[in-house]
Protein backbone atom coordinates (compact mmCIF):
# COMPACT_ATOMS: atom_id res chain seq x y z
CA MET A 1 0.22 14.06 -4.26
CA ASN A 2 -1.41 15.11 -0.91
CA THR A 3 -3.91 17.51 -2.42
CA LEU A 4 -7.57 17.48 -2.63
CA THR A 5 -7.79 18.22 -6.35
CA LEU A 6 -5.81 17.50 -9.43
CA ILE A 7 -5.66 19.65 -12.65
CA GLY A 8 -7.28 17.98 -15.64
CA CYS A 9 -7.76 18.80 -19.21
CA MET A 10 -8.35 22.55 -20.10
CA GLY A 11 -7.21 23.35 -16.54
CA ALA A 12 -10.38 22.01 -14.89
CA ALA A 13 -10.05 20.98 -11.31
CA ARG A 14 -11.08 17.37 -10.54
CA PRO A 15 -11.02 15.32 -7.11
CA ALA A 16 -7.92 13.48 -6.40
CA PRO A 17 -8.01 9.58 -6.20
CA GLY A 18 -9.89 8.33 -3.16
CA PHE A 19 -12.41 11.30 -2.78
CA VAL A 20 -15.07 10.58 -5.34
CA TRP A 21 -16.11 7.09 -6.31
CA SER A 22 -18.02 5.47 -9.16
CA SER A 23 -19.42 1.88 -9.34
CA PHE A 24 -19.25 -0.52 -12.28
CA PRO A 25 -20.46 -4.03 -12.93
CA ALA A 26 -18.19 -6.89 -12.14
CA ALA A 27 -17.38 -9.53 -14.88
CA VAL A 28 -19.89 -11.79 -13.07
CA ASP A 29 -21.81 -11.44 -9.73
CA ASN A 30 -19.58 -13.58 -7.56
CA ALA A 31 -18.66 -12.69 -3.97
CA TRP A 32 -15.49 -10.92 -4.68
CA TYR A 33 -13.36 -10.93 -1.62
CA SER A 34 -9.98 -9.44 -2.62
CA VAL A 35 -8.34 -7.38 -5.33
CA ALA A 36 -4.61 -6.61 -6.11
CA TYR A 37 -2.69 -4.79 -8.66
CA GLY A 38 0.57 -5.89 -10.35
CA ASN A 39 2.29 -6.05 -13.70
CA GLY A 40 -0.21 -3.58 -15.33
CA ILE A 41 -3.35 -5.51 -14.34
CA PHE A 42 -5.96 -5.59 -11.55
CA VAL A 43 -6.78 -9.06 -10.29
CA ALA A 44 -9.84 -10.03 -8.14
CA VAL A 45 -10.73 -13.29 -6.52
CA ALA A 46 -14.00 -14.70 -5.28
CA GLY A 47 -15.58 -17.11 -2.88
CA SER A 48 -18.40 -18.14 -5.10
CA GLY A 49 -18.91 -19.02 -8.67
CA LEU A 50 -18.49 -22.07 -10.87
CA GLY A 51 -14.98 -22.20 -12.44
CA ASN A 52 -14.93 -18.41 -12.62
CA ARG A 53 -13.78 -17.12 -9.44
CA VAL A 54 -11.06 -14.72 -10.93
CA MET A 55 -11.57 -11.59 -12.91
CA THR A 56 -9.07 -9.11 -14.32
CA SER A 57 -8.96 -5.67 -15.64
CA THR A 58 -6.25 -3.29 -17.22
CA ASP A 59 -8.11 -0.17 -16.34
CA GLY A 60 -10.39 -0.95 -13.42
CA PHE A 61 -13.56 -0.20 -15.45
CA ALA A 62 -13.98 -3.25 -17.76
CA TRP A 63 -13.59 -6.65 -16.18
CA THR A 64 -13.10 -10.11 -17.82
CA VAL A 65 -13.89 -13.36 -15.95
CA ARG A 66 -11.10 -15.91 -15.86
CA ALA A 67 -10.94 -19.62 -14.94
CA SER A 68 -10.02 -20.23 -11.35
CA ALA A 69 -7.74 -23.24 -10.64
CA ALA A 70 -10.31 -24.52 -8.23
CA ASP A 71 -13.70 -23.59 -6.80
CA ASN A 72 -12.18 -22.76 -3.35
CA VAL A 73 -13.31 -19.85 -1.22
CA TRP A 74 -10.51 -17.61 -2.35
CA ARG A 75 -10.07 -14.91 0.40
CA SER A 76 -6.87 -13.01 -0.63
CA VAL A 77 -4.64 -12.17 -3.56
CA THR A 78 -1.39 -10.33 -3.79
CA PHE A 79 1.32 -9.72 -6.32
CA GLY A 80 5.15 -10.11 -5.79
CA ASN A 81 8.22 -11.22 -7.49
CA GLY A 82 6.50 -11.31 -10.94
CA ILE A 83 3.56 -13.64 -9.80
CA PHE A 84 0.09 -13.37 -8.53
CA VAL A 85 -0.71 -15.62 -5.43
CA ALA A 86 -4.07 -16.35 -3.93
CA VAL A 87 -4.98 -18.30 -0.79
CA ALA A 88 -8.24 -19.84 0.25
CA ASN A 89 -10.06 -21.01 3.43
CA SER A 90 -11.48 -24.13 1.68
CA GLY A 91 -10.20 -27.00 -0.23
CA THR A 92 -8.08 -30.06 0.50
CA GLY A 93 -4.39 -29.57 0.09
CA ASN A 94 -5.02 -27.00 -2.64
CA ARG A 95 -5.57 -23.76 -0.86
CA VAL A 96 -3.06 -21.76 -3.03
CA MET A 97 -3.19 -20.88 -6.67
CA THR A 98 -0.66 -18.88 -8.77
CA SER A 99 -0.52 -17.06 -11.98
CA PRO A 100 2.13 -15.17 -13.91
CA ASP A 101 -0.28 -12.92 -15.55
CA GLY A 102 -3.67 -13.12 -13.67
CA ILE A 103 -5.24 -14.94 -16.56
CA VAL A 104 -4.06 -18.60 -16.36
CA TRP A 105 -3.97 -20.03 -12.90
CA THR A 106 -2.35 -23.13 -11.48
CA ILE A 107 -3.26 -24.90 -8.18
CA ARG A 108 -0.52 -25.38 -5.59
CA VAL A 109 -0.20 -27.43 -2.44
CA SER A 110 -0.85 -25.40 0.67
CA ALA A 111 1.35 -26.13 3.79
CA ALA A 112 -1.87 -27.10 5.70
CA ASN A 113 -5.62 -27.13 5.27
CA ASN A 114 -6.05 -24.03 7.51
CA GLY A 115 -8.42 -21.31 6.84
CA TRP A 116 -6.07 -18.97 4.94
CA THR A 117 -7.41 -15.44 4.99
CA SER A 118 -4.65 -13.18 3.83
CA VAL A 119 -1.35 -13.14 1.84
CA THR A 120 1.30 -10.65 1.29
CA PHE A 121 4.72 -10.27 -0.25
CA GLY A 122 7.82 -8.63 1.25
CA ASN A 123 11.59 -9.08 1.78
CA GLY A 124 11.59 -11.68 -1.00
CA ILE A 125 8.99 -14.04 0.42
CA PHE A 126 5.21 -14.60 0.37
CA VAL A 127 3.53 -14.81 3.81
CA ALA A 128 0.00 -16.06 4.48
CA VAL A 129 -1.98 -16.17 7.77
CA ALA A 130 -5.09 -18.18 8.80
CA ASN A 131 -8.02 -18.11 11.20
CA SER A 132 -7.63 -21.87 12.12
CA GLY A 133 -4.97 -24.42 12.94
CA THR A 134 -3.25 -25.32 16.05
CA GLY A 135 -0.04 -23.30 16.42
CA THR A 136 0.33 -23.35 12.62
CA ARG A 137 -1.50 -20.33 11.46
CA VAL A 138 1.29 -18.94 9.21
CA MET A 139 2.90 -20.32 6.03
CA THR A 140 5.71 -18.87 3.87
CA SER A 141 7.04 -19.33 0.29
CA PRO A 142 9.87 -17.91 -1.61
CA ASP A 143 8.21 -18.34 -4.87
CA GLY A 144 4.43 -18.92 -4.22
CA ILE A 145 4.69 -22.50 -5.26
CA VAL A 146 6.29 -24.32 -2.43
CA TRP A 147 5.03 -23.53 1.05
CA THR A 148 6.39 -24.11 4.60
CA ILE A 149 4.17 -24.07 7.72
CA ARG A 150 5.30 -21.68 10.49
CA VAL A 151 4.47 -21.44 14.20
CA SER A 152 2.00 -18.56 14.78
CA ALA A 153 2.50 -16.43 17.88
CA ALA A 154 -0.96 -17.14 19.17
CA ASP A 155 -4.01 -19.14 17.84
CA ASN A 156 -6.02 -16.15 17.13
CA TRP A 157 -8.23 -15.60 14.11
CA TRP A 158 -5.66 -13.81 11.97
CA GLN A 159 -7.47 -11.84 9.35
CA SER A 160 -4.73 -9.78 7.67
CA VAL A 161 -1.00 -9.46 7.10
CA THR A 162 1.05 -6.74 5.46
CA PHE A 163 4.80 -5.88 5.02
CA GLY A 164 6.53 -2.53 5.56
CA ASN A 165 9.70 -1.11 6.85
CA GLY A 166 11.34 -4.48 7.13
CA LEU A 167 8.53 -6.03 9.11
CA PHE A 168 5.55 -8.30 8.70
CA VAL A 169 2.52 -7.27 10.72
CA ALA A 170 -0.64 -9.42 11.19
CA VAL A 171 -3.88 -8.45 12.93
CA ALA A 172 -6.73 -10.56 14.35
CA ASN A 173 -10.36 -10.32 15.38
CA SER A 174 -9.87 -12.64 18.34
CA GLY A 175 -7.59 -12.86 21.35
CA THR A 176 -7.24 -10.83 24.62
CA GLY A 177 -4.88 -8.00 24.20
CA ASN A 178 -2.65 -9.86 21.74
CA ARG A 179 -4.42 -9.21 18.38
CA ILE A 180 -1.24 -8.20 16.71
CA MET A 181 1.78 -10.24 15.84
CA THR A 182 5.05 -9.22 14.02
CA SER A 183 7.93 -10.96 12.22
CA PRO A 184 11.18 -9.68 10.68
CA ASN A 185 11.33 -12.81 8.31
CA GLY A 186 7.93 -14.43 8.21
CA ALA A 187 9.13 -17.46 10.24
CA THR A 188 9.42 -16.16 13.82
CA TRP A 189 6.42 -14.40 15.19
CA THR A 190 5.91 -12.27 18.38
CA THR A 191 2.51 -11.01 19.81
CA ARG A 192 2.17 -7.33 20.45
CA ALA A 193 -0.44 -5.50 22.65
CA ASN A 194 -3.32 -3.88 20.86
CA PRO A 195 -4.87 -0.89 22.39
CA VAL A 196 -8.39 -2.23 22.36
CA ASP A 197 -9.98 -5.65 21.56
CA ASN A 198 -11.86 -4.66 18.49
CA SER A 199 -12.35 -7.02 15.66
CA TRP A 200 -9.26 -5.98 13.63
CA VAL A 201 -9.68 -7.33 10.06
CA SER A 202 -7.21 -5.42 7.80
CA VAL A 203 -3.73 -3.75 8.03
CA THR A 204 -1.68 -1.93 5.56
CA PHE A 205 1.59 0.13 5.54
CA GLY A 206 2.17 3.55 3.92
CA ASN A 207 4.20 6.82 4.43
CA GLY A 208 6.12 5.17 7.25
CA LEU A 209 2.89 4.05 9.15
CA PHE A 210 1.04 0.92 9.94
CA VAL A 211 -2.69 1.41 9.87
CA ALA A 212 -5.28 -1.16 10.90
CA VAL A 213 -9.16 -0.95 10.71
CA ALA A 214 -11.84 -2.90 12.58
CA ASN A 215 -15.41 -3.91 12.12
CA SER A 216 -16.35 -3.45 15.71
CA GLY A 217 -15.91 -0.78 18.39
CA THR A 218 -17.36 2.67 19.16
CA GLY A 219 -15.64 5.60 17.43
CA ASN A 220 -12.24 3.75 17.68
CA ARG A 221 -12.09 1.44 14.74
CA VAL A 222 -8.62 2.60 13.64
CA MET A 223 -5.30 2.02 15.14
CA THR A 224 -1.83 3.15 14.04
CA SER A 225 1.80 2.27 14.56
CA PRO A 226 5.08 3.76 13.25
CA ASP A 227 6.93 0.51 14.04
CA GLY A 228 4.34 -2.32 14.32
CA PHE A 229 5.09 -2.74 18.13
CA ALA A 230 3.46 0.16 19.89
CA TRP A 231 0.00 1.05 18.70
CA THR A 232 -2.42 4.06 19.27
CA ILE A 233 -6.13 4.06 18.84
CA ARG A 234 -7.56 6.67 16.40
CA ALA A 235 -11.19 7.91 15.91
CA SER A 236 -12.77 6.29 12.95
CA ALA A 237 -15.00 8.53 10.68
CA ALA A 238 -18.00 6.32 11.41
CA ASN A 239 -18.85 3.12 13.25
CA SER A 240 -19.05 1.18 10.06
CA ALA A 241 -17.80 -2.47 9.59
CA TRP A 242 -14.51 -1.43 8.18
CA TYR A 243 -13.15 -4.47 6.27
CA SER A 244 -10.17 -3.41 4.11
CA VAL A 245 -7.59 -0.61 4.22
CA THR A 246 -4.91 0.31 1.66
CA PHE A 247 -2.35 3.20 0.84
CA GLY A 248 -1.84 4.97 -2.40
CA ASN A 249 -1.15 8.33 -3.85
CA GLY A 250 -0.36 9.69 -0.31
CA LEU A 251 -3.79 8.56 0.99
CA PHE A 252 -5.05 5.90 3.22
CA VAL A 253 -8.53 4.53 2.05
CA ALA A 254 -10.70 2.09 4.04
CA VAL A 255 -13.98 0.42 2.81
CA SER A 256 -16.77 -1.18 4.76
CA GLN A 257 -18.76 -4.38 4.45
CA ASP A 258 -21.98 -2.68 5.72
CA THR A 259 -24.54 -2.47 2.87
CA THR A 260 -25.70 1.10 3.65
CA GLY A 261 -24.20 4.23 5.26
CA ASN A 262 -20.71 5.47 5.40
CA LEU A 263 -18.88 2.98 3.41
CA ILE A 264 -15.59 4.78 2.74
CA GLN A 265 -13.25 6.67 4.91
CA THR A 266 -10.01 8.38 3.91
CA SER A 267 -6.95 9.83 5.72
CA LEU A 268 -3.93 11.82 4.62
CA ASP A 269 -1.96 10.79 7.86
CA GLY A 270 -3.79 7.80 9.35
CA PHE A 271 -4.86 9.80 12.32
CA THR A 272 -7.74 11.85 11.09
CA TRP A 273 -10.40 10.24 8.98
CA THR A 274 -13.20 11.59 6.79
CA SER A 275 -16.25 9.85 5.44
CA ARG A 276 -16.70 9.53 1.67
CA ALA A 277 -19.71 8.66 -0.41
CA SER A 278 -19.44 5.26 -2.04
CA GLY A 279 -20.38 4.67 -5.68
CA THR A 280 -23.15 2.35 -4.43
CA ASP A 281 -24.20 0.49 -1.33
CA SER A 282 -22.67 -2.87 -1.46
CA GLN A 283 -20.54 -5.17 0.90
CA TRP A 284 -17.15 -3.92 -0.02
CA PHE A 285 -14.54 -6.47 1.07
CA SER A 286 -11.27 -5.25 -0.47
CA VAL A 287 -9.60 -2.20 -1.81
CA CYS A 288 -6.28 -1.64 -3.50
CA PHE A 289 -4.31 1.01 -5.36
CA GLY A 290 -2.65 0.77 -8.82
CA ASN A 291 -2.11 2.76 -11.85
CA GLY A 292 -3.39 5.92 -10.35
CA LEU A 293 -6.52 4.31 -9.24
CA PHE A 294 -8.14 3.00 -6.09
CA VAL A 295 -10.21 -0.04 -6.92
CA ALA A 296 -12.64 -1.81 -4.53
CA VAL A 297 -14.53 -5.04 -5.02
CA ALA A 298 -17.81 -6.27 -3.21
CA GLY A 299 -19.52 -9.47 -2.31
CA SER A 300 -22.99 -8.29 -3.23
CA GLY A 301 -24.98 -5.71 -5.03
CA THR A 302 -25.60 -4.84 -8.70
CA ASN A 303 -22.29 -3.03 -9.33
CA ARG A 304 -19.48 -4.99 -7.49
CA VAL A 305 -16.61 -2.73 -8.55
CA MET A 306 -16.00 0.73 -7.35
CA ILE A 307 -13.14 3.04 -8.56
CA SER A 308 -11.72 6.41 -7.71
CA GLY A 309 -9.09 8.33 -9.57
């Protein structure tokens, strides 16, 4: 629904998801780096904590801590094919963990001890990208359990990967004019020209459009593409350190890792962006959409969960 308000009980108007945000306590004050939704549950993973680097919620408000399979720095989690998959940038041969329900987790052998930063699911496979490794900064898996190393298009610091319109797209915060790579199958990758060498850290797909955000640049911290190949720079709502972007309910939402200031921006089309007030000033590292809610998680602050909807 591409409207600014929804009609609630007794006909009262209320803001649509993404516009007004409220903050809530996390299950524990870990550095929460990523959140995903699947199978009726929100799952977040962290880079700190002792045996408790996972938390889950069925409603986005109340969270329960879960035992992580290892105390690695878990950087990304996704859901696909009936399973949650998380990847880490630390650990020895164990930088993947999986769960059928988000509650019980099992460690898996990663294809390499690279610094895995992002994982997504599409076209029947899981794809992860890394910020380290020599020519091997991609790995793929059909089931999240057995992983195969792939040749990356360049040894850039790949920070995020997404899938849309039959294409995997990854973005990086290093490289000269080649901070994008694409693949139709997750195995063969090609670099694409980016419009400006900002520190691109997150990419998503929605409404027929790829949208990426950066944590550097002046007034130009968003870029868009209809096909993943040709990209156009867009004016960001503010020069915040945008760290995560998602799409849901007809709206693109990005959150910032800055601790103060304009920490949320939204867009109906990916082109024009508007600043929104955050529930609290924290380092917001990840945002997702599920069950009618946008949910964000943070690495610092008193309330490390923020929801809208």
